[in-house]
């Protein structure tokens, strides 16, 4: 086993929005969008049935009101999504995120320097080691992570070896933590 792993990369090379989107889908699952579409369909069908059977003599005012409300909700959702993408792009374009970041990873945790990231994370705070595309993610929560891009790996370290080493360190820390908890 290695004693330490040293990496350097720039945050501008990390597709944060794409990774965050994939982690969001991973957290909520694919049924999230199906459930949303089903809810909208049921809501729309309910108002159509109300229009035809409960208010058959009304002119269609209720239906047009419902359609207008649904259009407003759709526009708000699209506006929120576009605003979020614009905000994410502005965050990643900030000068502090254009600097290189270096990571030193060992059995005690992860130390990072550079850009917007200056921290030390202990293995007991890591929730998972995840693989996503060409990245290995040291997960701190469902959406917070320390990315390790494949292109930043030293020539003598394969992705498989990296993942195995990180998982060994993480599992050892979890065992130490649970042993200390029961002592």
C-alpha atoms as a PDB file:
ATOM      1  CA  UNK A   1       0.000   0.000   0.000  1.00  0.00           C
ATOM      2  CA  UNK A   2       1.161   3.524  -0.714  1.00  0.00           C
ATOM      3  CA  UNK A   3       2.049   5.940   2.040  1.00  0.00           C
ATOM      4  CA  UNK A   4       0.584   8.998   0.300  1.00  0.00           C
ATOM      5  CA  UNK A   5      -0.895  10.151  -2.997  1.00  0.00           C
ATOM      6  CA  UNK A   6      -0.151  13.619  -4.356  1.00  0.00           C
ATOM      7  CA  UNK A   7      -2.287  15.174  -7.103  1.00  0.00           C
ATOM      8  CA  UNK A   8      -2.563  18.547  -8.812  1.00  0.00           C
ATOM      9  CA  UNK A   9      -5.342  19.843 -11.067  1.00  0.00           C
ATOM     10  CA  UNK A  10      -7.357  22.939 -11.863  1.00  0.00           C
ATOM     11  CA  UNK A  11     -11.026  23.342 -10.983  1.00  0.00           C
ATOM     12  CA  UNK A  12     -11.645  24.792 -14.451  1.00  0.00           C
ATOM     13  CA  UNK A  13     -11.066  21.246 -15.751  1.00  0.00           C
ATOM     14  CA  UNK A  14     -13.763  19.806 -13.467  1.00  0.00           C
ATOM     15  CA  UNK A  15     -17.304  19.743 -14.958  1.00  0.00           C
ATOM     16  CA  UNK A  16     -18.921  20.663 -11.641  1.00  0.00           C
ATOM     17  CA  UNK A  17     -22.415  21.277 -13.070  1.00  0.00           C
ATOM     18  CA  UNK A  18     -22.418  17.922 -14.855  1.00  0.00           C
ATOM     19  CA  UNK A  19     -21.155  16.039 -11.795  1.00  0.00           C
ATOM     20  CA  UNK A  20     -23.664  17.802  -9.536  1.00  0.00           C
ATOM     21  CA  UNK A  21     -26.498  16.956 -11.935  1.00  0.00           C
ATOM     22  CA  UNK A  22     -25.463  13.296 -12.018  1.00  0.00           C
ATOM     23  CA  UNK A  23     -25.186  13.196  -8.221  1.00  0.00           C
ATOM     24  CA  UNK A  24     -28.635  14.783  -7.910  1.00  0.00           C
ATOM     25  CA  UNK A  25     -30.080  12.146 -10.227  1.00  0.00           C
ATOM     26  CA  UNK A  26     -28.234   9.480  -8.244  1.00  0.00           C
ATOM     27  CA  UNK A  27     -29.690  10.793  -4.974  1.00  0.00           C
ATOM     28  CA  UNK A  28     -33.296  11.186  -6.172  1.00  0.00           C
ATOM     29  CA  UNK A  29     -33.220   8.395  -8.742  1.00  0.00           C
ATOM     30  CA  UNK A  30     -34.801   8.402 -12.201  1.00  0.00           C
ATOM     31  CA  UNK A  31     -38.312   8.177 -10.770  1.00  0.00           C
ATOM     32  CA  UNK A  32     -38.125  11.824  -9.717  1.00  0.00           C
ATOM     33  CA  UNK A  33     -38.943  13.118 -13.195  1.00  0.00           C
ATOM     34  CA  UNK A  34     -41.481  10.375 -13.865  1.00  0.00           C
ATOM     35  CA  UNK A  35     -43.263  11.226 -10.599  1.00  0.00           C
ATOM     36  CA  UNK A  36     -43.265  14.931 -11.481  1.00  0.00           C
ATOM     37  CA  UNK A  37     -44.714  14.293 -14.950  1.00  0.00           C
ATOM     38  CA  UNK A  38     -47.292  11.919 -13.493  1.00  0.00           C
ATOM     39  CA  UNK A  39     -48.319  14.509 -10.879  1.00  0.00           C
ATOM     40  CA  UNK A  40     -48.730  17.209 -13.523  1.00  0.00           C
ATOM     41  CA  UNK A  41     -50.737  14.838 -15.730  1.00  0.00           C
ATOM     42  CA  UNK A  42     -53.015  13.839 -12.840  1.00  0.00           C
ATOM     43  CA  UNK A  43     -53.502  17.473 -11.868  1.00  0.00           C
ATOM     44  CA  UNK A  44     -54.362  18.449 -15.424  1.00  0.00           C
ATOM     45  CA  UNK A  45     -56.752  15.479 -15.836  1.00  0.00           C
ATOM     46  CA  UNK A  46     -58.438  16.335 -12.517  1.00  0.00           C
ATOM     47  CA  UNK A  47     -59.147  19.882 -13.627  1.00  0.00           C
ATOM     48  CA  UNK A  48     -60.434  18.679 -17.007  1.00  0.00           C
ATOM     49  CA  UNK A  49     -62.818  16.284 -15.239  1.00  0.00           C
ATOM     50  CA  UNK A  50     -63.918  19.051 -12.890  1.00  0.00           C
ATOM     51  CA  UNK A  51     -64.586  21.283 -15.884  1.00  0.00           C
ATOM     52  CA  UNK A  52     -66.680  18.662 -17.662  1.00  0.00           C
ATOM     53  CA  UNK A  53     -68.570  17.053 -14.773  1.00  0.00           C
ATOM     54  CA  UNK A  54     -68.659  19.442 -11.814  1.00  0.00           C
ATOM     55  CA  UNK A  55     -68.872  22.743 -13.703  1.00  0.00           C
ATOM     56  CA  UNK A  56     -70.414  21.715 -17.054  1.00  0.00           C
ATOM     57  CA  UNK A  57     -72.201  25.024 -17.518  1.00  0.00           C
ATOM     58  CA  UNK A  58     -69.168  27.240 -16.952  1.00  0.00           C
ATOM     59  CA  UNK A  59     -67.503  28.687 -20.032  1.00  0.00           C
ATOM     60  CA  UNK A  60     -63.994  27.417 -19.540  1.00  0.00           C
ATOM     61  CA  UNK A  61     -62.745  30.089 -17.208  1.00  0.00           C
ATOM     62  CA  UNK A  62     -61.537  27.499 -14.705  1.00  0.00           C
ATOM     63  CA  UNK A  63     -59.666  25.563 -17.378  1.00  0.00           C
ATOM     64  CA  UNK A  64     -57.922  28.637 -18.723  1.00  0.00           C
ATOM     65  CA  UNK A  65     -57.027  29.667 -15.176  1.00  0.00           C
ATOM     66  CA  UNK A  66     -55.523  26.247 -14.509  1.00  0.00           C
ATOM     67  CA  UNK A  67     -53.603  26.323 -17.790  1.00  0.00           C
ATOM     68  CA  UNK A  68     -52.295  29.796 -16.982  1.00  0.00           C
ATOM     69  CA  UNK A  69     -51.171  28.624 -13.520  1.00  0.00           C
ATOM     70  CA  UNK A  70     -49.447  25.593 -15.020  1.00  0.00           C
ATOM     71  CA  UNK A  71     -47.708  27.799 -17.600  1.00  0.00           C
ATOM     72  CA  UNK A  72     -46.495  30.101 -14.813  1.00  0.00           C
ATOM     73  CA  UNK A  73     -45.170  27.122 -12.836  1.00  0.00           C
ATOM     74  CA  UNK A  74     -43.381  25.855 -15.939  1.00  0.00           C
ATOM     75  CA  UNK A  75     -41.820  29.266 -16.601  1.00  0.00           C
ATOM     76  CA  UNK A  76     -40.708  29.570 -12.966  1.00  0.00           C
ATOM     77  CA  UNK A  77     -39.121  26.128 -13.140  1.00  0.00           C
ATOM     78  CA  UNK A  78     -37.306  26.942 -16.387  1.00  0.00           C
ATOM     79  CA  UNK A  79     -36.210  30.317 -15.041  1.00  0.00           C
ATOM     80  CA  UNK A  80     -34.854  28.675 -11.900  1.00  0.00           C
ATOM     81  CA  UNK A  81     -32.941  26.088 -13.943  1.00  0.00           C
ATOM     82  CA  UNK A  82     -31.448  28.683 -16.279  1.00  0.00           C
ATOM     83  CA  UNK A  83     -30.582  30.947 -13.354  1.00  0.00           C
ATOM     84  CA  UNK A  84     -28.886  28.063 -11.563  1.00  0.00           C
ATOM     85  CA  UNK A  85     -26.798  27.243 -14.654  1.00  0.00           C
ATOM     86  CA  UNK A  86     -25.788  30.884 -15.008  1.00  0.00           C
ATOM     87  CA  UNK A  87     -24.840  31.066 -11.323  1.00  0.00           C
ATOM     88  CA  UNK A  88     -22.813  27.834 -11.588  1.00  0.00           C
ATOM     89  CA  UNK A  89     -20.939  29.208 -14.633  1.00  0.00           C
ATOM     90  CA  UNK A  90     -20.183  32.458 -12.767  1.00  0.00           C
ATOM     91  CA  UNK A  91     -18.909  30.526  -9.733  1.00  0.00           C
ATOM     92  CA  UNK A  92     -16.589  28.430 -11.861  1.00  0.00           C
ATOM     93  CA  UNK A  93     -15.317  31.482 -13.770  1.00  0.00           C
ATOM     94  CA  UNK A  94     -14.199  33.218 -10.563  1.00  0.00           C
ATOM     95  CA  UNK A  95     -10.420  33.846 -10.430  1.00  0.00           C
ATOM     96  CA  UNK A  96     -10.038  31.823  -7.228  1.00  0.00           C
ATOM     97  CA  UNK A  97     -11.258  28.716  -9.074  1.00  0.00           C
ATOM     98  CA  UNK A  98      -8.785  29.207 -11.916  1.00  0.00           C
ATOM     99  CA  UNK A  99      -5.833  28.360  -9.683  1.00  0.00           C
ATOM    100  CA  UNK A 100      -4.390  24.903  -9.366  1.00  0.00           C
ATOM    101  CA  UNK A 101      -5.448  22.732  -6.478  1.00  0.00           C
ATOM    102  CA  UNK A 102      -3.172  20.169  -4.896  1.00  0.00           C
ATOM    103  CA  UNK A 103      -4.251  17.195  -2.827  1.00  0.00           C
ATOM    104  CA  UNK A 104      -2.205  15.122  -0.428  1.00  0.00           C
ATOM    105  CA  UNK A 105      -4.047  11.951   0.501  1.00  0.00           C
ATOM    106  CA  UNK A 106      -2.861   9.443   3.090  1.00  0.00           C
ATOM    107  CA  UNK A 107      -4.231   7.092   5.744  1.00  0.00           C
ATOM    108  CA  UNK A 108      -5.074  10.077   7.991  1.00  0.00           C
ATOM    109  CA  UNK A 109      -7.185  11.983   5.465  1.00  0.00           C
ATOM    110  CA  UNK A 110      -7.133  14.454   2.619  1.00  0.00           C
ATOM    111  CA  UNK A 111      -5.316  17.793   2.729  1.00  0.00           C
ATOM    112  CA  UNK A 112      -6.076  20.254  -0.037  1.00  0.00           C
ATOM    113  CA  UNK A 113      -4.504  23.572  -0.948  1.00  0.00           C
ATOM    114  CA  UNK A 114      -5.124  26.079  -3.694  1.00  0.00           C
ATOM    115  CA  UNK A 115      -7.994  27.883  -5.298  1.00  0.00           C
ATOM    116  CA  UNK A 116     -11.104  27.976  -3.156  1.00  0.00           C
ATOM    117  CA  UNK A 117     -10.182  24.843  -1.265  1.00  0.00           C
ATOM    118  CA  UNK A 118      -7.929  24.896   1.809  1.00  0.00           C
ATOM    119  CA  UNK A 119      -8.857  22.106   4.144  1.00  0.00           C
ATOM    120  CA  UNK A 120      -8.100  18.864   5.868  1.00  0.00           C
ATOM    121  CA  UNK A 121     -10.747  16.161   5.803  1.00  0.00           C
ATOM    122  CA  UNK A 122     -10.503  13.115   8.020  1.00  0.00           C
ATOM    123  CA  UNK A 123     -11.547   9.739   6.647  1.00  0.00           C
ATOM    124  CA  UNK A 124     -14.253   9.494   9.313  1.00  0.00           C
ATOM    125  CA  UNK A 125     -15.986  12.455   7.595  1.00  0.00           C
ATOM    126  CA  UNK A 126     -16.007  10.725   4.202  1.00  0.00           C
ATOM    127  CA  UNK A 127     -19.272   8.974   3.370  1.00  0.00           C
ATOM    128  CA  UNK A 128     -18.195   7.065   0.263  1.00  0.00           C
ATOM    129  CA  UNK A 129     -15.647   6.661  -2.502  1.00  0.00           C
ATOM    130  CA  UNK A 130     -17.644   6.907  -5.737  1.00  0.00           C
ATOM    131  CA  UNK A 131     -16.682   6.534  -9.367  1.00  0.00           C
ATOM    132  CA  UNK A 132     -18.387   8.746 -11.923  1.00  0.00           C
ATOM    133  CA  UNK A 133     -17.213   8.968 -15.506  1.00  0.00           C
ATOM    134  CA  UNK A 134     -13.538   9.850 -15.599  1.00  0.00           C
ATOM    135  CA  UNK A 135     -13.594  10.948 -11.950  1.00  0.00           C
ATOM    136  CA  UNK A 136     -13.204   9.346  -8.569  1.00  0.00           C
ATOM    137  CA  UNK A 137     -15.196  11.307  -6.006  1.00  0.00           C
ATOM    138  CA  UNK A 138     -14.439  11.397  -2.310  1.00  0.00           C
ATOM    139  CA  UNK A 139     -17.980  11.973  -1.079  1.00  0.00           C
ATOM    140  CA  UNK A 140     -18.624  14.146   1.980  1.00  0.00           C
ATOM    141  CA  UNK A 141     -22.419  14.237   1.563  1.00  0.00           C
ATOM    142  CA  UNK A 142     -24.839  13.357  -1.257  1.00  0.00           C
ATOM    143  CA  UNK A 143     -23.725  16.489  -3.193  1.00  0.00           C
ATOM    144  CA  UNK A 144     -20.385  17.533  -1.650  1.00  0.00           C
ATOM    145  CA  UNK A 145     -17.262  15.878  -2.937  1.00  0.00           C
ATOM    146  CA  UNK A 146     -13.563  16.177  -3.566  1.00  0.00           C
ATOM    147  CA  UNK A 147     -13.009  15.260  -7.208  1.00  0.00           C
ATOM    148  CA  UNK A 148     -10.019  13.308  -8.432  1.00  0.00           C
ATOM    149  CA  UNK A 149      -9.836  13.486 -12.224  1.00  0.00           C
ATOM    150  CA  UNK A 150      -8.171  10.571 -13.971  1.00  0.00           C
ATOM    151  CA  UNK A 151      -5.864  12.940 -15.836  1.00  0.00           C
ATOM    152  CA  UNK A 152      -4.344  14.114 -12.538  1.00  0.00           C
ATOM    153  CA  UNK A 153      -3.146  10.667 -11.486  1.00  0.00           C
ATOM    154  CA  UNK A 154       0.608  10.109 -11.337  1.00  0.00           C
ATOM    155  CA  UNK A 155       1.903   7.779 -14.077  1.00  0.00           C
ATOM    156  CA  UNK A 156       2.674   4.996 -11.593  1.00  0.00           C
ATOM    157  CA  UNK A 157      -0.888   4.931 -10.173  1.00  0.00           C
ATOM    158  CA  UNK A 158      -3.834   3.400 -12.009  1.00  0.00           C
ATOM    159  CA  UNK A 159      -7.420   4.345 -11.329  1.00  0.00           C
ATOM    160  CA  UNK A 160      -8.098   0.862  -9.954  1.00  0.00           C
ATOM    161  CA  UNK A 161      -5.180   1.143  -7.525  1.00  0.00           C
ATOM    162  CA  UNK A 162      -6.354   4.616  -6.486  1.00  0.00           C
ATOM    163  CA  UNK A 163      -9.885   3.422  -5.735  1.00  0.00           C
ATOM    164  CA  UNK A 164      -8.633   0.368  -3.832  1.00  0.00           C
ATOM    165  CA  UNK A 165      -6.249   2.475  -1.740  1.00  0.00           C
ATOM    166  CA  UNK A 166      -8.855   5.137  -0.950  1.00  0.00           C
ATOM    167  CA  UNK A 167     -11.404   2.501   0.044  1.00  0.00           C
ATOM    168  CA  UNK A 168      -8.872   0.723   2.278  1.00  0.00           C
ATOM    169  CA  UNK A 169      -8.044   3.971   4.089  1.00  0.00           C
ATOM    170  CA  UNK A 170     -11.726   4.875   4.366  1.00  0.00           C
ATOM    171  CA  UNK A 171     -12.744   1.438   5.680  1.00  0.00           C
ATOM    172  CA  UNK A 172      -9.858   1.394   8.184  1.00  0.00           C
ATOM    173  CA  UNK A 173     -10.975   4.770   9.528  1.00  0.00           C
ATOM    174  CA  UNK A 174     -14.591   3.576   9.795  1.00  0.00           C
ATOM    175  CA  UNK A 175     -13.446   0.522  11.789  1.00  0.00           C
ATOM    176  CA  UNK A 176     -11.281   2.686  14.052  1.00  0.00           C
ATOM    177  CA  UNK A 177     -14.223   5.049  14.576  1.00  0.00           C
ATOM    178  CA  UNK A 178     -16.664   2.244  15.457  1.00  0.00           C
ATOM    179  CA  UNK A 179     -14.121   0.597  17.789  1.00  0.00           C
ATOM    180  CA  UNK A 180     -13.561   3.906  19.579  1.00  0.00           C
ATOM    181  CA  UNK A 181     -17.320   4.395  19.828  1.00  0.00           C
ATOM    182  CA  UNK A 182     -17.839   1.065  21.610  1.00  0.00           C
ATOM    183  CA  UNK A 183     -14.786   1.376  23.864  1.00  0.00           C
END
